[in-house]
C-alpha atoms as a PDB file:
ATOM      1  CA  MET A   1      48.418  13.293 -27.598  1.00  0.00           C
ATOM      2  CA  LEU A   2      45.898  10.435 -27.565  1.00  0.00           C
ATOM      3  CA  GLN A   3      45.289   8.844 -30.919  1.00  0.00           C
ATOM      4  CA  THR A   4      42.634   6.341 -31.715  1.00  0.00           C
ATOM      5  CA  SER A   5      42.538   4.076 -34.706  1.00  0.00           C
ATOM      6  CA  THR A   6      38.833   3.268 -34.369  1.00  0.00           C
ATOM      7  CA  PRO A   7      36.340   5.933 -35.416  1.00  0.00           C
ATOM      8  CA  LEU A   8      33.691   6.655 -32.782  1.00  0.00           C
ATOM      9  CA  VAL A   9      30.849   5.701 -35.108  1.00  0.00           C
ATOM     10  CA  ASN A  10      32.005   2.072 -34.986  1.00  0.00           C
ATOM     11  CA  VAL A  11      32.014   1.820 -31.192  1.00  0.00           C
ATOM     12  CA  VAL A  12      28.564   0.178 -31.080  1.00  0.00           C
ATOM     13  CA  PRO A  13      28.724  -3.360 -32.514  1.00  0.00           C
ATOM     14  CA  ASP A  14      26.576  -4.108 -35.548  1.00  0.00           C
ATOM     15  CA  ASP A  15      24.923  -7.029 -33.776  1.00  0.00           C
ATOM     16  CA  GLU A  16      23.332  -4.713 -31.154  1.00  0.00           C
ATOM     17  CA  PRO A  17      19.567  -4.511 -31.524  1.00  0.00           C
ATOM     18  CA  SER A  18      18.567  -1.209 -33.033  1.00  0.00           C
ATOM     19  CA  GLN A  19      15.806   1.022 -31.760  1.00  0.00           C
ATOM     20  CA  PRO A  20      12.567   0.554 -33.677  1.00  0.00           C
ATOM     21  CA  ASP A  21      11.627   3.277 -36.096  1.00  0.00           C
ATOM     22  CA  TRP A  22       8.368   4.808 -34.958  1.00  0.00           C
ATOM     23  CA  SER A  23       6.421   6.893 -37.381  1.00  0.00           C
ATOM     24  CA  GLU A  24       4.322   9.774 -36.157  1.00  0.00           C
ATOM     25  CA  GLU A  25       1.252   7.748 -37.105  1.00  0.00           C
ATOM     26  CA  ASP A  26       2.484   4.822 -34.964  1.00  0.00           C
ATOM     27  CA  ILE A  27       2.883   7.128 -31.984  1.00  0.00           C
ATOM     28  CA  VAL A  28      -0.587   8.627 -32.444  1.00  0.00           C
ATOM     29  CA  PHE A  29      -2.037   5.121 -32.746  1.00  0.00           C
ATOM     30  CA  LEU A  30      -0.308   4.098 -29.498  1.00  0.00           C
ATOM     31  CA  HIS A  31      -1.923   7.075 -27.719  1.00  0.00           C
ATOM     32  CA  TRP A  32      -5.293   5.976 -29.134  1.00  0.00           C
ATOM     33  CA  ARG A  33      -4.692   2.375 -28.053  1.00  0.00           C
ATOM     34  CA  LEU A  34      -4.004   3.487 -24.493  1.00  0.00           C
ATOM     35  CA  LEU A  35      -7.296   5.395 -24.444  1.00  0.00           C
ATOM     36  CA  GLN A  36      -9.085   2.216 -25.528  1.00  0.00           C
ATOM     37  CA  GLU A  37      -8.282   0.780 -22.097  1.00  0.00           C
ATOM     38  CA  ILE A  38     -10.976   3.048 -20.647  1.00  0.00           C
ATOM     39  CA  LYS A  39     -13.653   0.959 -22.400  1.00  0.00           C
ATOM     40  CA  GLN A  40     -12.559  -2.017 -20.314  1.00  0.00           C
ATOM     41  CA  LEU A  41     -13.731  -0.277 -17.139  1.00  0.00           C
ATOM     42  CA  SER A  42     -17.356  -0.996 -18.062  1.00  0.00           C
ATOM     43  CA  ASP A  43     -16.742  -4.677 -18.871  1.00  0.00           C
ATOM     44  CA  PRO A  44     -17.509  -6.844 -15.805  1.00  0.00           C
ATOM     45  CA  ALA A  45     -15.105  -9.504 -17.102  1.00  0.00           C
ATOM     46  CA  THR A  46     -12.089  -7.168 -17.003  1.00  0.00           C
ATOM     47  CA  PRO A  47      -9.821  -8.206 -14.119  1.00  0.00           C
ATOM     48  CA  LEU A  48      -9.897  -5.859 -11.139  1.00  0.00           C
ATOM     49  CA  GLU A  49      -6.140  -5.294 -11.306  1.00  0.00           C
ATOM     50  CA  ASP A  50      -6.495  -4.051 -14.889  1.00  0.00           C
ATOM     51  CA  LYS A  51      -9.282  -1.714 -13.802  1.00  0.00           C
ATOM     52  CA  PHE A  52      -7.180  -0.392 -10.922  1.00  0.00           C
ATOM     53  CA  ASP A  53      -4.252   0.245 -13.293  1.00  0.00           C
ATOM     54  CA  THR A  54      -6.471   2.142 -15.716  1.00  0.00           C
ATOM     55  CA  LEU A  55      -8.030   4.193 -12.919  1.00  0.00           C
ATOM     56  CA  ARG A  56      -4.589   5.123 -11.541  1.00  0.00           C
ATOM     57  CA  TRP A  57      -3.599   6.278 -15.031  1.00  0.00           C
ATOM     58  CA  VAL A  58      -6.782   8.330 -15.582  1.00  0.00           C
ATOM     59  CA  PHE A  59      -6.767   9.926 -12.121  1.00  0.00           C
ATOM     60  CA  THR A  60      -3.006  10.502 -11.831  1.00  0.00           C
ATOM     61  CA  GLU A  61      -1.535  13.529 -10.072  1.00  0.00           C
ATOM     62  CA  ARG A  62      -1.761  16.836 -11.942  1.00  0.00           C
ATOM     63  CA  GLU A  63       2.025  17.240 -12.068  1.00  0.00           C
ATOM     64  CA  LYS A  64       2.230  14.062 -14.190  1.00  0.00           C
ATOM     65  CA  GLU A  65      -0.342  15.188 -16.761  1.00  0.00           C
ATOM     66  CA  GLN A  66       2.223  16.661 -19.158  1.00  0.00           C
ATOM     67  CA  GLN A  67       4.367  13.532 -19.291  1.00  0.00           C
ATOM     68  CA  PRO A  68       4.399  11.479 -22.492  1.00  0.00           C
ATOM     69  CA  PHE A  69       1.526   9.005 -22.717  1.00  0.00           C
ATOM     70  CA  SER A  70      -0.288  10.449 -19.712  1.00  0.00           C
ATOM     71  CA  PHE A  71      -4.080  10.334 -19.908  1.00  0.00           C
ATOM     72  CA  VAL A  72      -4.232  14.068 -20.646  1.00  0.00           C
ATOM     73  CA  ASN A  73      -1.585  13.843 -23.373  1.00  0.00           C
ATOM     74  CA  CYS A  74      -3.314  10.869 -24.957  1.00  0.00           C
ATOM     75  CA  LEU A  75      -6.548  12.893 -25.162  1.00  0.00           C
ATOM     76  CA  ARG A  76      -4.667  15.829 -26.681  1.00  0.00           C
ATOM     77  CA  VAL A  77      -2.785  13.770 -29.267  1.00  0.00           C
ATOM     78  CA  VAL A  78      -5.773  11.676 -30.348  1.00  0.00           C
ATOM     79  CA  GLY A  79      -8.148  14.648 -30.397  1.00  0.00           C
ATOM     80  CA  CYS A  80      -5.893  17.004 -32.336  1.00  0.00           C
ATOM     81  CA  SER A  81      -3.707  14.938 -34.646  1.00  0.00           C
ATOM     82  CA  PRO A  82      -4.654  14.622 -38.315  1.00  0.00           C
ATOM     83  CA  LEU A  83      -3.209  11.096 -38.081  1.00  0.00           C
ATOM     84  CA  SER A  84      -5.690  10.058 -35.403  1.00  0.00           C
ATOM     85  CA  PRO A  85      -7.809   6.959 -36.077  1.00  0.00           C
ATOM     86  CA  ILE A  86     -10.886   8.953 -34.994  1.00  0.00           C
ATOM     87  CA  ALA A  87     -12.440  12.003 -36.567  1.00  0.00           C
ATOM     88  CA  TYR A  88     -10.923  15.323 -35.504  1.00  0.00           C
ATOM     89  CA  CYS A  89     -12.536  16.540 -32.291  1.00  0.00           C
ATOM     90  CA  GLY A  90      -9.954  19.041 -31.033  1.00  0.00           C
ATOM     91  CA  LEU A  91      -8.941  19.478 -27.426  1.00  0.00           C
ATOM     92  CA  VAL A  92     -11.015  17.359 -25.090  1.00  0.00           C
ATOM     93  CA  ASP A  93     -11.506  18.410 -21.485  1.00  0.00           C
ATOM     94  CA  ALA A  94      -9.884  15.660 -19.432  1.00  0.00           C
ATOM     95  CA  GLN A  95     -11.903  16.653 -16.395  1.00  0.00           C
ATOM     96  CA  ASP A  96     -15.171  16.067 -18.285  1.00  0.00           C
ATOM     97  CA  ILE A  97     -14.015  12.550 -19.159  1.00  0.00           C
ATOM     98  CA  ARG A  98     -12.898  11.942 -15.583  1.00  0.00           C
ATOM     99  CA  ASP A  99     -16.267  13.169 -14.289  1.00  0.00           C
ATOM    100  CA  HIS A 100     -18.071  10.749 -16.611  1.00  0.00           C
ATOM    101  CA  ILE A 101     -15.874   7.874 -15.417  1.00  0.00           C
ATOM    102  CA  ARG A 102     -16.411   8.887 -11.792  1.00  0.00           C
ATOM    103  CA  ARG A 103     -20.222   8.935 -12.274  1.00  0.00           C
ATOM    104  CA  SER A 104     -20.209   5.509 -13.952  1.00  0.00           C
ATOM    105  CA  LEU A 105     -17.593   3.823 -11.801  1.00  0.00           C
ATOM    106  CA  LYS A 106     -19.912   2.640  -9.013  1.00  0.00           C
ATOM    107  CA  SER A 107     -22.138   0.672 -11.387  1.00  0.00           C
ATOM    108  CA  TRP A 108     -19.146  -0.666 -13.340  1.00  0.00           C
ATOM    109  CA  LEU A 109     -17.439  -1.908 -10.194  1.00  0.00           C
ATOM    110  CA  ALA A 110     -20.708  -3.330  -8.836  1.00  0.00           C
ATOM    111  CA  ALA A 111     -21.103  -5.384 -12.021  1.00  0.00           C
ATOM    112  CA  SER A 112     -17.525  -6.625 -11.650  1.00  0.00           C
ATOM    113  CA  MET A 113     -17.999  -7.408  -7.981  1.00  0.00           C
ATOM    114  CA  ALA A 114     -21.187  -9.398  -8.619  1.00  0.00           C
ATOM    115  CA  ARG A 115     -19.002 -12.002 -10.332  1.00  0.00           C
ATOM    116  CA  TYR A 116     -17.208 -12.801  -7.052  1.00  0.00           C
ATOM    117  CA  PRO A 117     -18.353 -14.676  -3.955  1.00  0.00           C
ATOM    118  CA  PRO A 118     -19.425 -12.637  -0.919  1.00  0.00           C
ATOM    119  CA  TRP A 119     -16.107 -13.004   0.937  1.00  0.00           C
ATOM    120  CA  VAL A 120     -14.247 -11.343  -1.964  1.00  0.00           C
ATOM    121  CA  ARG A 121     -16.768  -8.492  -2.159  1.00  0.00           C
ATOM    122  CA  GLU A 122     -16.492  -7.969   1.596  1.00  0.00           C
ATOM    123  CA  ALA A 123     -12.679  -7.951   1.498  1.00  0.00           C
ATOM    124  CA  ILE A 124     -12.644  -5.387  -1.292  1.00  0.00           C
ATOM    125  CA  ALA A 125     -15.239  -3.184   0.414  1.00  0.00           C
ATOM    126  CA  SER A 126     -13.624  -3.303   3.858  1.00  0.00           C
ATOM    127  CA  GLN A 127      -9.906  -3.494   2.950  1.00  0.00           C
ATOM    128  CA  PRO A 128      -9.405  -2.240  -0.615  1.00  0.00           C
ATOM    129  CA  GLN A 129      -5.718  -1.366  -0.126  1.00  0.00           C
ATOM    130  CA  TRP A 130      -4.979  -4.834   1.265  1.00  0.00           C
ATOM    131  CA  VAL A 131      -6.697  -6.501  -1.698  1.00  0.00           C
ATOM    132  CA  GLU A 132      -4.944  -4.163  -4.132  1.00  0.00           C
ATOM    133  CA  ALA A 133      -1.574  -4.991  -2.562  1.00  0.00           C
ATOM    134  CA  ARG A 134      -2.294  -8.723  -2.884  1.00  0.00           C
ATOM    135  CA  LEU A 135      -3.300  -8.305  -6.520  1.00  0.00           C
ATOM    136  CA  ALA A 136      -0.245  -6.154  -7.245  1.00  0.00           C
ATOM    137  CA  LYS A 137       1.970  -8.932  -5.871  1.00  0.00           C
ATOM    138  CA  ASN A 138       0.034 -11.688  -7.619  1.00  0.00           C
ATOM    139  CA  PRO A 139      -2.684 -10.774 -10.161  1.00  0.00           C
ATOM    140  CA  GLN A 140      -4.043 -14.317  -9.869  1.00  0.00           C
ATOM    141  CA  TRP A 141      -4.456 -14.145  -6.089  1.00  0.00           C
ATOM    142  CA  ILE A 142      -8.297 -14.157  -6.086  1.00  0.00           C
ATOM    143  CA  ASN A 143      -8.426 -16.955  -8.672  1.00  0.00           C
ATOM    144  CA  GLU A 144      -5.982 -19.013  -6.624  1.00  0.00           C
ATOM    145  CA  GLN A 145      -8.047 -18.488  -3.474  1.00  0.00           C
ATOM    146  CA  LEU A 146     -11.233 -19.521  -5.283  1.00  0.00           C
ATOM    147  CA  LYS A 147      -9.536 -22.611  -6.691  1.00  0.00           C
ATOM    148  CA  GLN A 148      -8.174 -23.575  -3.275  1.00  0.00           C
ATOM    149  CA  MET A 149     -11.594 -23.181  -1.664  1.00  0.00           C
ATOM    150  CA  ALA A 150     -13.229 -25.247  -4.414  1.00  0.00           C
ATOM    151  CA  GLN A 151     -10.719 -28.037  -3.798  1.00  0.00           C
ATOM    152  CA  GLU A 152     -11.470 -27.874  -0.084  1.00  0.00           C
ATOM    153  CA  GLY A 153     -15.208 -27.910  -0.785  1.00  0.00           C
ATOM    154  CA  ASP A 154     -15.641 -24.508   0.835  1.00  0.00           C
ATOM    155  CA  LEU A 155     -16.417 -22.367  -2.213  1.00  0.00           C
ATOM    156  CA  PHE A 156     -19.365 -20.472  -0.755  1.00  0.00           C
ATOM    157  CA  ALA A 157     -18.036 -19.839   2.747  1.00  0.00           C
END
C-alpha cells in the first residue's frame, strides 16, 4: 500500500502565481472592450494590421461563433447582461452589424489607404494576401519600407 506524507492540497508551491479572480462584471466589461475595437475600423489612423485582425474576428467562420469572446458572444453578453456598461438592448443580430460594417468598409479602407504612397496602395490592391503576410510577420513592415525609401531619397517612387 502506497502511503504519502504530503497532502495533495500542498502539491502546488505557495510561490506559484495564482489565477486572477475575475468577477462577472469584469468578464462583461472585457466583452464590451473587445466590441470597442470595431470603432477603430473607421479611424484612418488605425494600422492596417489592426483592422485586418478586427475584420477576421467579426467575419469569423460560423462554427466559431459560439466560442468564448467570439464576436457573436460579445454582442450577446454586452446586449443582455445587466452588468453591461451600455443600456440593455437585448439580443443584437450579428448579421445586421456585419452588414453595416461591410457597407462602410470600402470608405473606411479608402480613407486609410489615402495615408499611404501610391506604391503601397497598389500593392494592397493587387496583392492583399502578400501584404497581409508581410504585416503578420512584421507589423512595422510598411513603416520600415517608407523610412528606407526616405533615406534613399526615393519616397514618392
